[in-house]
């Protein structure tokens, strides 16, 4: 599992939650760091925050989908912007990402990840 979030506290909180649920988790603070991690690892899924300062979550997801080995990587996009414009939601849907809104509780995060992995 790869969590990409520019907020260190949020990334570490999600990492702890998912690790306690039995997932192997890595974090990246930027899209550039995520690119390197994705080249080195084959995570089961990726969780992307849309509010990163260095790049958009949508831009990172485009990059992920351009990589042959990650074209079908399960993706969850987390956003604090509610509602997202329909065009953005449609694009995330086209890219196969599951959109969830912040704040998200621990149980909901774990359940969302489990549901996504069951669909694989």
PDB file of N, CA and C in Angstrom:
ATOM      1  N   UNK A   1       0.843  -1.164   0.000  1.00  0.00           N
ATOM      2  CA  UNK A   1       0.000   0.000   0.000  1.00  0.00           C
ATOM      3  C   UNK A   1       0.891   1.231   0.000  1.00  0.00           C
ATOM      4  N   UNK A   2       0.593   2.173  -0.874  1.00  0.00           N
ATOM      5  CA  UNK A   2       1.322   3.431  -0.917  1.00  0.00           C
ATOM      6  C   UNK A   2       0.358   4.567  -0.606  1.00  0.00           C
ATOM      7  N   UNK A   3       0.712   5.380   0.367  1.00  0.00           N
ATOM      8  CA  UNK A   3      -0.077   6.562   0.724  1.00  0.00           C
ATOM      9  C   UNK A   3       0.713   7.780   0.276  1.00  0.00           C
ATOM     10  N   UNK A   4       0.083   8.629  -0.539  1.00  0.00           N
ATOM     11  CA  UNK A   4       0.731   9.839  -1.026  1.00  0.00           C
ATOM     12  C   UNK A   4      -0.041  11.031  -0.481  1.00  0.00           C
ATOM     13  N   UNK A   5       0.561  11.712   0.481  1.00  0.00           N
ATOM     14  CA  UNK A   5      -0.086  12.854   1.127  1.00  0.00           C
ATOM     15  C   UNK A   5       0.993  13.808   1.610  1.00  0.00           C
ATOM     16  N   UNK A   6       0.864  15.064   1.250  1.00  0.00           N
ATOM     17  CA  UNK A   6       1.840  16.072   1.640  1.00  0.00           C
ATOM     18  C   UNK A   6       1.790  16.449   3.102  1.00  0.00           C
ATOM     19  N   UNK A   7       0.727  16.077   3.788  1.00  0.00           N
ATOM     20  CA  UNK A   7       0.601  16.350   5.221  1.00  0.00           C
ATOM     21  C   UNK A   7       1.179  15.160   5.986  1.00  0.00           C
ATOM     22  N   UNK A   8       2.349  15.352   6.560  1.00  0.00           N
ATOM     23  CA  UNK A   8       3.067  14.270   7.242  1.00  0.00           C
ATOM     24  C   UNK A   8       2.218  13.622   8.333  1.00  0.00           C
ATOM     25  N   UNK A   9       1.482  14.407   9.093  1.00  0.00           N
ATOM     26  CA  UNK A   9       0.670  13.866  10.188  1.00  0.00           C
ATOM     27  C   UNK A   9      -0.435  12.968   9.642  1.00  0.00           C
ATOM     28  N   UNK A  10      -1.102  13.420   8.588  1.00  0.00           N
ATOM     29  CA  UNK A  10      -2.162  12.609   7.980  1.00  0.00           C
ATOM     30  C   UNK A  10      -1.576  11.319   7.414  1.00  0.00           C
ATOM     31  N   UNK A  11      -0.465  11.427   6.689  1.00  0.00           N
ATOM     32  CA  UNK A  11       0.150  10.237   6.085  1.00  0.00           C
ATOM     33  C   UNK A  11       0.540   9.227   7.155  1.00  0.00           C
ATOM     34  N   UNK A  12       1.160   9.685   8.242  1.00  0.00           N
ATOM     35  CA  UNK A  12       1.580   8.773   9.310  1.00  0.00           C
ATOM     36  C   UNK A  12       0.381   8.188  10.045  1.00  0.00           C
ATOM     37  N   UNK A  13      -0.680   8.958  10.208  1.00  0.00           N
ATOM     38  CA  UNK A  13      -1.900   8.452  10.852  1.00  0.00           C
ATOM     39  C   UNK A  13      -2.507   7.335  10.011  1.00  0.00           C
ATOM     40  N   UNK A  14      -2.652   7.578   8.703  1.00  0.00           N
ATOM     41  CA  UNK A  14      -3.192   6.544   7.824  1.00  0.00           C
ATOM     42  C   UNK A  14      -2.277   5.327   7.785  1.00  0.00           C
ATOM     43  N   UNK A  15      -0.965   5.568   7.799  1.00  0.00           N
ATOM     44  CA  UNK A  15      -0.010   4.463   7.799  1.00  0.00           C
ATOM     45  C   UNK A  15      -0.205   3.584   9.038  1.00  0.00           C
ATOM     46  N   UNK A  16      -0.343   4.198  10.202  1.00  0.00           N
ATOM     47  CA  UNK A  16      -0.550   3.427  11.438  1.00  0.00           C
ATOM     48  C   UNK A  16      -1.858   2.659  11.407  1.00  0.00           C
ATOM     49  N   UNK A  17      -2.923   3.318  10.962  1.00  0.00           N
ATOM     50  CA  UNK A  17      -4.238   2.670  10.897  1.00  0.00           C
ATOM     51  C   UNK A  17      -4.171   1.426  10.021  1.00  0.00           C
ATOM     52  N   UNK A  18      -3.606   1.568   8.836  1.00  0.00           N
ATOM     53  CA  UNK A  18      -3.568   0.450   7.890  1.00  0.00           C
ATOM     54  C   UNK A  18      -2.568  -0.617   8.309  1.00  0.00           C
ATOM     55  N   UNK A  19      -1.466  -0.221   8.926  1.00  0.00           N
ATOM     56  CA  UNK A  19      -0.498  -1.206   9.421  1.00  0.00           C
ATOM     57  C   UNK A  19      -1.120  -2.051  10.527  1.00  0.00           C
ATOM     58  N   UNK A  20      -1.872  -1.416  11.420  1.00  0.00           N
ATOM     59  CA  UNK A  20      -2.552  -2.169  12.477  1.00  0.00           C
ATOM     60  C   UNK A  20      -3.605  -3.121  11.919  1.00  0.00           C
ATOM     61  N   UNK A  21      -4.118  -2.790  10.729  1.00  0.00           N
ATOM     62  CA  UNK A  21      -5.101  -3.664  10.069  1.00  0.00           C
ATOM     63  C   UNK A  21      -4.414  -4.764   9.258  1.00  0.00           C
ATOM     64  N   UNK A  22      -3.069  -4.790   9.273  1.00  0.00           N
ATOM     65  CA  UNK A  22      -2.352  -5.868   8.619  1.00  0.00           C
ATOM     66  C   UNK A  22      -1.756  -5.547   7.261  1.00  0.00           C
ATOM     67  N   UNK A  23      -1.822  -4.314   6.833  1.00  0.00           N
ATOM     68  CA  UNK A  23      -1.273  -3.932   5.530  1.00  0.00           C
ATOM     69  C   UNK A  23       0.175  -3.490   5.648  1.00  0.00           C
ATOM     70  N   UNK A  24       0.982  -3.824   4.656  1.00  0.00           N
ATOM     71  CA  UNK A  24       2.335  -3.280   4.538  1.00  0.00           C
ATOM     72  C   UNK A  24       2.190  -1.922   3.860  1.00  0.00           C
ATOM     73  N   UNK A  25       2.686  -0.873   4.505  1.00  0.00           N
ATOM     74  CA  UNK A  25       2.412   0.485   4.049  1.00  0.00           C
ATOM     75  C   UNK A  25       3.706   1.273   3.877  1.00  0.00           C
ATOM     76  N   UNK A  26       3.761   2.042   2.789  1.00  0.00           N
ATOM     77  CA  UNK A  26       4.821   3.025   2.569  1.00  0.00           C
ATOM     78  C   UNK A  26       4.142   4.364   2.367  1.00  0.00           C
ATOM     79  N   UNK A  27       4.855   5.441   2.653  1.00  0.00           N
ATOM     80  CA  UNK A  27       4.296   6.769   2.424  1.00  0.00           C
ATOM     81  C   UNK A  27       5.215   7.575   1.521  1.00  0.00           C
ATOM     82  N   UNK A  28       4.626   8.531   0.829  1.00  0.00           N
ATOM     83  CA  UNK A  28       5.360   9.494   0.016  1.00  0.00           C
ATOM     84  C   UNK A  28       4.722  10.851   0.245  1.00  0.00           C
ATOM     85  N   UNK A  29       5.553  11.871   0.387  1.00  0.00           N
ATOM     86  CA  UNK A  29       5.047  13.214   0.668  1.00  0.00           C
ATOM     87  C   UNK A  29       4.775  14.019  -0.596  1.00  0.00           C
ATOM     88  N   UNK A  30       5.361  13.596  -1.708  1.00  0.00           N
ATOM     89  CA  UNK A  30       5.202  14.335  -2.960  1.00  0.00           C
ATOM     90  C   UNK A  30       4.965  13.360  -4.113  1.00  0.00           C
ATOM     91  N   UNK A  31       4.506  13.915  -5.234  1.00  0.00           N
ATOM     92  CA  UNK A  31       4.319  13.087  -6.424  1.00  0.00           C
ATOM     93  C   UNK A  31       5.659  12.552  -6.919  1.00  0.00           C
ATOM     94  N   UNK A  32       6.706  13.347  -6.823  1.00  0.00           N
ATOM     95  CA  UNK A  32       8.034  12.903  -7.266  1.00  0.00           C
ATOM     96  C   UNK A  32       8.516  11.728  -6.419  1.00  0.00           C
ATOM     97  N   UNK A  33       8.316  11.825  -5.107  1.00  0.00           N
ATOM     98  CA  UNK A  33       8.681  10.711  -4.222  1.00  0.00           C
ATOM     99  C   UNK A  33       7.840   9.477  -4.550  1.00  0.00           C
ATOM    100  N   UNK A  34       6.565   9.688  -4.843  1.00  0.00           N
ATOM    101  CA  UNK A  34       5.683   8.572  -5.208  1.00  0.00           C
ATOM    102  C   UNK A  34       6.160   7.907  -6.494  1.00  0.00           C
ATOM    103  N   UNK A  35       6.619   8.705  -7.474  1.00  0.00           N
ATOM    104  CA  UNK A  35       7.132   8.134  -8.732  1.00  0.00           C
ATOM    105  C   UNK A  35       8.261   7.163  -8.446  1.00  0.00           C
ATOM    106  N   UNK A  36       9.207   7.572  -7.600  1.00  0.00           N
ATOM    107  CA  UNK A  36      10.329   6.705  -7.256  1.00  0.00           C
ATOM    108  C   UNK A  36       9.896   5.446  -6.542  1.00  0.00           C
ATOM    109  N   UNK A  37       8.959   5.595  -5.614  1.00  0.00           N
ATOM    110  CA  UNK A  37       8.460   4.441  -4.863  1.00  0.00           C
ATOM    111  C   UNK A  37       7.737   3.472  -5.788  1.00  0.00           C
ATOM    112  N   UNK A  38       6.969   3.997  -6.724  1.00  0.00           N
ATOM    113  CA  UNK A  38       6.232   3.143  -7.655  1.00  0.00           C
ATOM    114  C   UNK A  38       7.160   2.382  -8.591  1.00  0.00           C
ATOM    115  N   UNK A  39       8.310   2.958  -8.901  1.00  0.00           N
ATOM    116  CA  UNK A  39       9.283   2.256  -9.743  1.00  0.00           C
ATOM    117  C   UNK A  39       9.937   1.110  -8.978  1.00  0.00           C
ATOM    118  N   UNK A  40      10.104   1.302  -7.668  1.00  0.00           N
ATOM    119  CA  UNK A  40      10.812   0.313  -6.844  1.00  0.00           C
ATOM    120  C   UNK A  40       9.887  -0.768  -6.289  1.00  0.00           C
ATOM    121  N   UNK A  41       8.621  -0.439  -6.107  1.00  0.00           N
ATOM    122  CA  UNK A  41       7.675  -1.357  -5.464  1.00  0.00           C
ATOM    123  C   UNK A  41       6.476  -1.648  -6.353  1.00  0.00           C
ATOM    124  N   UNK A  42       5.795  -2.701  -6.004  1.00  0.00           N
ATOM    125  CA  UNK A  42       4.506  -2.997  -6.633  1.00  0.00           C
ATOM    126  C   UNK A  42       3.463  -3.026  -5.522  1.00  0.00           C
ATOM    127  N   UNK A  43       2.985  -1.852  -5.100  1.00  0.00           N
ATOM    128  CA  UNK A  43       2.012  -1.833  -4.011  1.00  0.00           C
ATOM    129  C   UNK A  43       0.694  -2.474  -4.427  1.00  0.00           C
ATOM    130  N   UNK A  44      -0.056  -2.947  -3.417  1.00  0.00           N
ATOM    131  CA  UNK A  44      -1.374  -3.535  -3.673  1.00  0.00           C
ATOM    132  C   UNK A  44      -2.382  -2.475  -4.083  1.00  0.00           C
ATOM    133  N   UNK A  45      -2.176  -1.249  -3.598  1.00  0.00           N
ATOM    134  CA  UNK A  45      -3.090  -0.143  -3.878  1.00  0.00           C
ATOM    135  C   UNK A  45      -2.375   1.165  -3.563  1.00  0.00           C
ATOM    136  N   UNK A  46      -2.969   2.262  -4.010  1.00  0.00           N
ATOM    137  CA  UNK A  46      -2.423   3.587  -3.724  1.00  0.00           C
ATOM    138  C   UNK A  46      -3.554   4.475  -3.206  1.00  0.00           C
ATOM    139  N   UNK A  47      -3.213   5.272  -2.206  1.00  0.00           N
ATOM    140  CA  UNK A  47      -4.136   6.277  -1.668  1.00  0.00           C
ATOM    141  C   UNK A  47      -3.503   7.628  -1.953  1.00  0.00           C
ATOM    142  N   UNK A  48      -4.215   8.490  -2.672  1.00  0.00           N
ATOM    143  CA  UNK A  48      -3.671   9.770  -3.120  1.00  0.00           C
ATOM    144  C   UNK A  48      -4.510  10.911  -2.567  1.00  0.00           C
ATOM    145  N   UNK A  49      -3.842  11.881  -1.958  1.00  0.00           N
ATOM    146  CA  UNK A  49      -4.510  13.100  -1.523  1.00  0.00           C
ATOM    147  C   UNK A  49      -4.545  14.073  -2.696  1.00  0.00           C
ATOM    148  N   UNK A  50      -5.685  14.700  -2.932  1.00  0.00           N
ATOM    149  CA  UNK A  50      -5.789  15.628  -4.060  1.00  0.00           C
ATOM    150  C   UNK A  50      -5.170  16.982  -3.753  1.00  0.00           C
ATOM    151  N   UNK A  51      -4.921  17.277  -2.490  1.00  0.00           N
ATOM    152  CA  UNK A  51      -4.461  18.608  -2.107  1.00  0.00           C
ATOM    153  C   UNK A  51      -2.968  18.749  -1.930  1.00  0.00           C
ATOM    154  N   UNK A  52      -2.160  17.924  -2.593  1.00  0.00           N
ATOM    155  CA  UNK A  52      -0.709  18.059  -2.474  1.00  0.00           C
ATOM    156  C   UNK A  52      -0.249  19.375  -3.090  1.00  0.00           C
ATOM    157  N   UNK A  53       0.748  19.979  -2.473  1.00  0.00           N
ATOM    158  CA  UNK A  53       1.266  21.254  -2.983  1.00  0.00           C
ATOM    159  C   UNK A  53       2.101  21.075  -4.255  1.00  0.00           C
ATOM    160  N   UNK A  54       2.828  19.980  -4.337  1.00  0.00           N
ATOM    161  CA  UNK A  54       3.786  19.798  -5.434  1.00  0.00           C
ATOM    162  C   UNK A  54       3.137  19.372  -6.748  1.00  0.00           C
ATOM    163  N   UNK A  55       1.997  18.722  -6.680  1.00  0.00           N
ATOM    164  CA  UNK A  55       1.318  18.236  -7.889  1.00  0.00           C
ATOM    165  C   UNK A  55      -0.115  17.874  -7.529  1.00  0.00           C
ATOM    166  N   UNK A  56      -0.954  17.806  -8.536  1.00  0.00           N
ATOM    167  CA  UNK A  56      -2.340  17.430  -8.266  1.00  0.00           C
ATOM    168  C   UNK A  56      -2.453  15.917  -8.144  1.00  0.00           C
ATOM    169  N   UNK A  57      -3.424  15.482  -7.367  1.00  0.00           N
ATOM    170  CA  UNK A  57      -3.708  14.058  -7.271  1.00  0.00           C
ATOM    171  C   UNK A  57      -4.102  13.495  -8.623  1.00  0.00           C
ATOM    172  N   UNK A  58      -4.808  14.289  -9.406  1.00  0.00           N
ATOM    173  CA  UNK A  58      -5.217  13.848 -10.739  1.00  0.00           C
ATOM    174  C   UNK A  58      -3.992  13.659 -11.630  1.00  0.00           C
ATOM    175  N   UNK A  59      -3.047  14.592 -11.563  1.00  0.00           N
ATOM    176  CA  UNK A  59      -1.819  14.468 -12.346  1.00  0.00           C
ATOM    177  C   UNK A  59      -1.034  13.222 -11.974  1.00  0.00           C
ATOM    178  N   UNK A  60      -0.954  12.927 -10.672  1.00  0.00           N
ATOM    179  CA  UNK A  60      -0.255  11.727 -10.219  1.00  0.00           C
ATOM    180  C   UNK A  60      -0.969  10.477 -10.718  1.00  0.00           C
ATOM    181  N   UNK A  61      -2.290  10.488 -10.680  1.00  0.00           N
ATOM    182  CA  UNK A  61      -3.042   9.325 -11.151  1.00  0.00           C
ATOM    183  C   UNK A  61      -2.850   9.121 -12.659  1.00  0.00           C
ATOM    184  N   UNK A  62      -2.798  10.207 -13.431  1.00  0.00           N
ATOM    185  CA  UNK A  62      -2.481  10.082 -14.859  1.00  0.00           C
ATOM    186  C   UNK A  62      -1.130   9.400 -15.041  1.00  0.00           C
ATOM    187  N   UNK A  63      -0.139   9.815 -14.251  1.00  0.00           N
ATOM    188  CA  UNK A  63       1.191   9.215 -14.346  1.00  0.00           C
ATOM    189  C   UNK A  63       1.144   7.730 -14.007  1.00  0.00           C
ATOM    190  N   UNK A  64       0.455   7.389 -12.933  1.00  0.00           N
ATOM    191  CA  UNK A  64       0.350   5.982 -12.523  1.00  0.00           C
ATOM    192  C   UNK A  64      -0.270   5.149 -13.633  1.00  0.00           C
ATOM    193  N   UNK A  65      -1.330   5.648 -14.224  1.00  0.00           N
ATOM    194  CA  UNK A  65      -2.016   4.899 -15.288  1.00  0.00           C
ATOM    195  C   UNK A  65      -1.172   4.796 -16.554  1.00  0.00           C
ATOM    196  N   UNK A  66      -0.194   5.687 -16.720  1.00  0.00           N
ATOM    197  CA  UNK A  66       0.677   5.624 -17.899  1.00  0.00           C
ATOM    198  C   UNK A  66       1.739   4.539 -17.757  1.00  0.00           C
ATOM    199  N   UNK A  67       1.939   4.024 -16.552  1.00  0.00           N
ATOM    200  CA  UNK A  67       2.933   2.980 -16.310  1.00  0.00           C
ATOM    201  C   UNK A  67       2.282   1.621 -16.512  1.00  0.00           C
ATOM    202  N   UNK A  68       2.797   0.850 -17.433  1.00  0.00           N
ATOM    203  CA  UNK A  68       2.178  -0.432 -17.766  1.00  0.00           C
ATOM    204  C   UNK A  68       1.954  -1.307 -16.530  1.00  0.00           C
ATOM    205  N   UNK A  69       2.948  -1.357 -15.643  1.00  0.00           N
ATOM    206  CA  UNK A  69       2.823  -2.236 -14.481  1.00  0.00           C
ATOM    207  C   UNK A  69       1.807  -1.737 -13.447  1.00  0.00           C
ATOM    208  N   UNK A  70       1.347  -0.481 -13.580  1.00  0.00           N
ATOM    209  CA  UNK A  70       0.394   0.062 -12.609  1.00  0.00           C
ATOM    210  C   UNK A  70      -0.916   0.540 -13.251  1.00  0.00           C
ATOM    211  N   UNK A  71      -1.173   0.135 -14.478  1.00  0.00           N
ATOM    212  CA  UNK A  71      -2.385   0.591 -15.162  1.00  0.00           C
ATOM    213  C   UNK A  71      -3.659   0.207 -14.421  1.00  0.00           C
ATOM    214  N   UNK A  72      -3.626  -0.904 -13.711  1.00  0.00           N
ATOM    215  CA  UNK A  72      -4.821  -1.380 -13.017  1.00  0.00           C
ATOM    216  C   UNK A  72      -4.657  -1.373 -11.505  1.00  0.00           C
ATOM    217  N   UNK A  73      -3.686  -0.607 -11.015  1.00  0.00           N
ATOM    218  CA  UNK A  73      -3.458  -0.496  -9.580  1.00  0.00           C
ATOM    219  C   UNK A  73      -4.681   0.123  -8.905  1.00  0.00           C
ATOM    220  N   UNK A  74      -5.275  -0.559  -7.927  1.00  0.00           N
ATOM    221  CA  UNK A  74      -6.419   0.031  -7.220  1.00  0.00           C
ATOM    222  C   UNK A  74      -6.029   1.374  -6.598  1.00  0.00           C
ATOM    223  N   UNK A  75      -6.883   2.376  -6.782  1.00  0.00           N
ATOM    224  CA  UNK A  75      -6.567   3.720  -6.315  1.00  0.00           C
ATOM    225  C   UNK A  75      -7.739   4.322  -5.548  1.00  0.00           C
ATOM    226  N   UNK A  76      -7.399   4.938  -4.434  1.00  0.00           N
ATOM    227  CA  UNK A  76      -8.359   5.716  -3.653  1.00  0.00           C
ATOM    228  C   UNK A  76      -7.864   7.150  -3.669  1.00  0.00           C
ATOM    229  N   UNK A  77      -8.740   8.066  -3.991  1.00  0.00           N
ATOM    230  CA  UNK A  77      -8.406   9.478  -3.985  1.00  0.00           C
ATOM    231  C   UNK A  77      -9.147  10.112  -2.813  1.00  0.00           C
ATOM    232  N   UNK A  78      -8.394  10.782  -1.945  1.00  0.00           N
ATOM    233  CA  UNK A  78      -8.983  11.469  -0.802  1.00  0.00           C
ATOM    234  C   UNK A  78      -8.964  12.967  -1.053  1.00  0.00           C
ATOM    235  N   UNK A  79     -10.075  13.616  -0.768  1.00  0.00           N
ATOM    236  CA  UNK A  79     -10.168  15.054  -0.976  1.00  0.00           C
ATOM    237  C   UNK A  79     -10.944  15.723   0.144  1.00  0.00           C
ATOM    238  N   UNK A  80     -10.525  16.916   0.460  1.00  0.00           N
ATOM    239  CA  UNK A  80     -11.263  17.738   1.413  1.00  0.00           C
ATOM    240  C   UNK A  80     -12.222  18.676   0.706  1.00  0.00           C
ATOM    241  N   UNK A  81     -12.178  18.675  -0.626  1.00  0.00           N
ATOM    242  CA  UNK A  81     -13.048  19.544  -1.418  1.00  0.00           C
ATOM    243  C   UNK A  81     -14.357  18.817  -1.701  1.00  0.00           C
ATOM    244  N   UNK A  82     -15.409  19.239  -1.024  1.00  0.00           N
ATOM    245  CA  UNK A  82     -16.697  18.580  -1.164  1.00  0.00           C
ATOM    246  C   UNK A  82     -17.756  19.621  -1.473  1.00  0.00           C
ATOM    247  N   UNK A  83     -18.369  19.539  -2.622  1.00  0.00           N
ATOM    248  CA  UNK A  83     -18.234  18.500  -3.643  1.00  0.00           C
ATOM    249  C   UNK A  83     -17.132  18.841  -4.646  1.00  0.00           C
ATOM    250  N   UNK A  84     -16.610  17.807  -5.275  1.00  0.00           N
ATOM    251  CA  UNK A  84     -15.714  18.002  -6.414  1.00  0.00           C
ATOM    252  C   UNK A  84     -16.578  18.282  -7.640  1.00  0.00           C
ATOM    253  N   UNK A  85     -16.078  19.086  -8.569  1.00  0.00           N
ATOM    254  CA  UNK A  85     -16.838  19.312  -9.808  1.00  0.00           C
ATOM    255  C   UNK A  85     -17.102  17.990 -10.529  1.00  0.00           C
ATOM    256  N   UNK A  86     -18.248  17.905 -11.177  1.00  0.00           N
ATOM    257  CA  UNK A  86     -18.632  16.679 -11.884  1.00  0.00           C
ATOM    258  C   UNK A  86     -17.571  16.242 -12.895  1.00  0.00           C
ATOM    259  N   UNK A  87     -16.931  17.213 -13.575  1.00  0.00           N
ATOM    260  CA  UNK A  87     -15.923  16.856 -14.573  1.00  0.00           C
ATOM    261  C   UNK A  87     -14.739  16.143 -13.914  1.00  0.00           C
ATOM    262  N   UNK A  88     -14.365  16.594 -12.722  1.00  0.00           N
ATOM    263  CA  UNK A  88     -13.241  15.982 -12.006  1.00  0.00           C
ATOM    264  C   UNK A  88     -13.644  14.590 -11.519  1.00  0.00           C
ATOM    265  N   UNK A  89     -14.842  14.475 -10.966  1.00  0.00           N
ATOM    266  CA  UNK A  89     -15.328  13.161 -10.534  1.00  0.00           C
ATOM    267  C   UNK A  89     -15.379  12.179 -11.701  1.00  0.00           C
ATOM    268  N   UNK A  90     -15.855  12.656 -12.844  1.00  0.00           N
ATOM    269  CA  UNK A  90     -15.925  11.805 -14.031  1.00  0.00           C
ATOM    270  C   UNK A  90     -14.537  11.350 -14.466  1.00  0.00           C
ATOM    271  N   UNK A  91     -13.547  12.234 -14.364  1.00  0.00           N
ATOM    272  CA  UNK A  91     -12.190  11.875 -14.778  1.00  0.00           C
ATOM    273  C   UNK A  91     -11.576  10.860 -13.814  1.00  0.00           C
ATOM    274  N   UNK A  92     -11.782  11.056 -12.512  1.00  0.00           N
ATOM    275  CA  UNK A  92     -11.301  10.057 -11.551  1.00  0.00           C
ATOM    276  C   UNK A  92     -11.966   8.707 -11.815  1.00  0.00           C
ATOM    277  N   UNK A  93     -13.256   8.738 -12.111  1.00  0.00           N
ATOM    278  CA  UNK A  93     -13.975   7.496 -12.417  1.00  0.00           C
ATOM    279  C   UNK A  93     -13.406   6.837 -13.673  1.00  0.00           C
ATOM    280  N   UNK A  94     -13.146   7.631 -14.699  1.00  0.00           N
ATOM    281  CA  UNK A  94     -12.575   7.104 -15.945  1.00  0.00           C
ATOM    282  C   UNK A  94     -11.213   6.461 -15.694  1.00  0.00           C
ATOM    283  N   UNK A  95     -10.472   7.011 -14.733  1.00  0.00           N
ATOM    284  CA  UNK A  95      -9.139   6.482 -14.402  1.00  0.00           C
ATOM    285  C   UNK A  95      -9.209   5.339 -13.388  1.00  0.00           C
ATOM    286  N   UNK A  96     -10.419   4.958 -13.000  1.00  0.00           N
ATOM    287  CA  UNK A  96     -10.599   3.812 -12.106  1.00  0.00           C
ATOM    288  C   UNK A  96     -10.292   4.093 -10.648  1.00  0.00           C
ATOM    289  N   UNK A  97     -10.440   5.338 -10.228  1.00  0.00           N
ATOM    290  CA  UNK A  97     -10.158   5.695  -8.836  1.00  0.00           C
ATOM    291  C   UNK A  97     -11.452   5.812  -8.042  1.00  0.00           C
ATOM    292  N   UNK A  98     -11.370   5.395  -6.808  1.00  0.00           N
ATOM    293  CA  UNK A  98     -12.490   5.487  -5.877  1.00  0.00           C
ATOM    294  C   UNK A  98     -12.306   6.769  -5.063  1.00  0.00           C
ATOM    295  N   UNK A  99     -13.244   7.705  -5.127  1.00  0.00           N
ATOM    296  CA  UNK A  99     -13.129   8.992  -4.443  1.00  0.00           C
ATOM    297  C   UNK A  99     -13.798   8.920  -3.077  1.00  0.00           C
ATOM    298  N   UNK A 100     -13.076   9.375  -2.064  1.00  0.00           N
ATOM    299  CA  UNK A 100     -13.608   9.471  -0.696  1.00  0.00           C
ATOM    300  C   UNK A 100     -13.324  10.869  -0.190  1.00  0.00           C
ATOM    301  N   UNK A 101     -14.208  11.352   0.666  1.00  0.00           N
ATOM    302  CA  UNK A 101     -14.077  12.709   1.202  1.00  0.00           C
ATOM    303  C   UNK A 101     -13.526  12.694   2.616  1.00  0.00           C
ATOM    304  N   UNK A 102     -12.663  13.682   2.882  1.00  0.00           N
ATOM    305  CA  UNK A 102     -12.116  13.884   4.223  1.00  0.00           C
ATOM    306  C   UNK A 102     -13.113  14.711   5.012  1.00  0.00           C
ATOM    307  N   UNK A 103     -13.199  14.530   6.288  1.00  0.00           N
ATOM    308  CA  UNK A 103     -12.428  13.569   7.078  1.00  0.00           C
ATOM    309  C   UNK A 103     -12.966  12.149   6.882  1.00  0.00           C
ATOM    310  N   UNK A 104     -12.075  11.193   7.010  1.00  0.00           N
ATOM    311  CA  UNK A 104     -12.449   9.786   6.888  1.00  0.00           C
ATOM    312  C   UNK A 104     -11.988   9.076   8.155  1.00  0.00           C
ATOM    313  N   UNK A 105     -12.866   8.310   8.746  1.00  0.00           N
ATOM    314  CA  UNK A 105     -12.542   7.589   9.973  1.00  0.00           C
ATOM    315  C   UNK A 105     -11.735   6.337   9.693  1.00  0.00           C
ATOM    316  N   UNK A 106     -11.127   5.816  10.732  1.00  0.00           N
ATOM    317  CA  UNK A 106     -10.271   4.630  10.606  1.00  0.00           C
ATOM    318  C   UNK A 106     -11.035   3.444  10.032  1.00  0.00           C
ATOM    319  N   UNK A 107     -12.205   3.155  10.583  1.00  0.00           N
ATOM    320  CA  UNK A 107     -12.976   1.999  10.122  1.00  0.00           C
ATOM    321  C   UNK A 107     -13.386   2.162   8.664  1.00  0.00           C
ATOM    322  N   UNK A 108     -13.766   3.373   8.275  1.00  0.00           N
ATOM    323  CA  UNK A 108     -14.176   3.638   6.902  1.00  0.00           C
ATOM    324  C   UNK A 108     -12.986   3.513   5.947  1.00  0.00           C
ATOM    325  N   UNK A 109     -11.819   3.978   6.366  1.00  0.00           N
ATOM    326  CA  UNK A 109     -10.617   3.851   5.544  1.00  0.00           C
ATOM    327  C   UNK A 109     -10.274   2.382   5.318  1.00  0.00           C
ATOM    328  N   UNK A 110     -10.267   1.616   6.380  1.00  0.00           N
ATOM    329  CA  UNK A 110      -9.949   0.184   6.271  1.00  0.00           C
ATOM    330  C   UNK A 110     -10.974  -0.523   5.392  1.00  0.00           C
ATOM    331  N   UNK A 111     -12.243  -0.248   5.598  1.00  0.00           N
ATOM    332  CA  UNK A 111     -13.291  -0.887   4.800  1.00  0.00           C
ATOM    333  C   UNK A 111     -13.179  -0.515   3.326  1.00  0.00           C
ATOM    334  N   UNK A 112     -12.872   0.744   3.037  1.00  0.00           N
ATOM    335  CA  UNK A 112     -12.717   1.178   1.654  1.00  0.00           C
ATOM    336  C   UNK A 112     -11.562   0.441   0.988  1.00  0.00           C
ATOM    337  N   UNK A 113     -10.428   0.333   1.683  1.00  0.00           N
ATOM    338  CA  UNK A 113      -9.276  -0.386   1.137  1.00  0.00           C
ATOM    339  C   UNK A 113      -9.629  -1.855   0.911  1.00  0.00           C
ATOM    340  N   UNK A 114     -10.262  -2.478   1.885  1.00  0.00           N
ATOM    341  CA  UNK A 114     -10.631  -3.897   1.752  1.00  0.00           C
ATOM    342  C   UNK A 114     -11.583  -4.127   0.590  1.00  0.00           C
ATOM    343  N   UNK A 115     -12.581  -3.272   0.439  1.00  0.00           N
ATOM    344  CA  UNK A 115     -13.521  -3.398  -0.682  1.00  0.00           C
ATOM    345  C   UNK A 115     -12.800  -3.271  -2.016  1.00  0.00           C
ATOM    346  N   UNK A 116     -11.911  -2.298  -2.106  1.00  0.00           N
ATOM    347  CA  UNK A 116     -11.183  -2.089  -3.344  1.00  0.00           C
ATOM    348  C   UNK A 116     -10.306  -3.284  -3.691  1.00  0.00           C
ATOM    349  N   UNK A 117      -9.654  -3.852  -2.705  1.00  0.00           N
ATOM    350  CA  UNK A 117      -8.782  -4.997  -2.950  1.00  0.00           C
ATOM    351  C   UNK A 117      -9.572  -6.259  -3.297  1.00  0.00           C
ATOM    352  N   UNK A 118     -10.789  -6.378  -2.751  1.00  0.00           N
ATOM    353  CA  UNK A 118     -11.627  -7.547  -3.092  1.00  0.00           C
ATOM    354  C   UNK A 118     -12.058  -7.504  -4.549  1.00  0.00           C
ATOM    355  N   UNK A 119     -12.197  -6.312  -5.118  1.00  0.00           N
ATOM    356  CA  UNK A 119     -12.629  -6.160  -6.511  1.00  0.00           C
ATOM    357  C   UNK A 119     -11.546  -6.496  -7.511  1.00  0.00           C
ATOM    358  N   UNK A 120     -10.325  -6.588  -7.061  1.00  0.00           N
ATOM    359  CA  UNK A 120      -9.180  -6.832  -7.945  1.00  0.00           C
ATOM    360  C   UNK A 120      -9.335  -8.075  -8.758  1.00  0.00           C
TER     361      UNK A 120
END
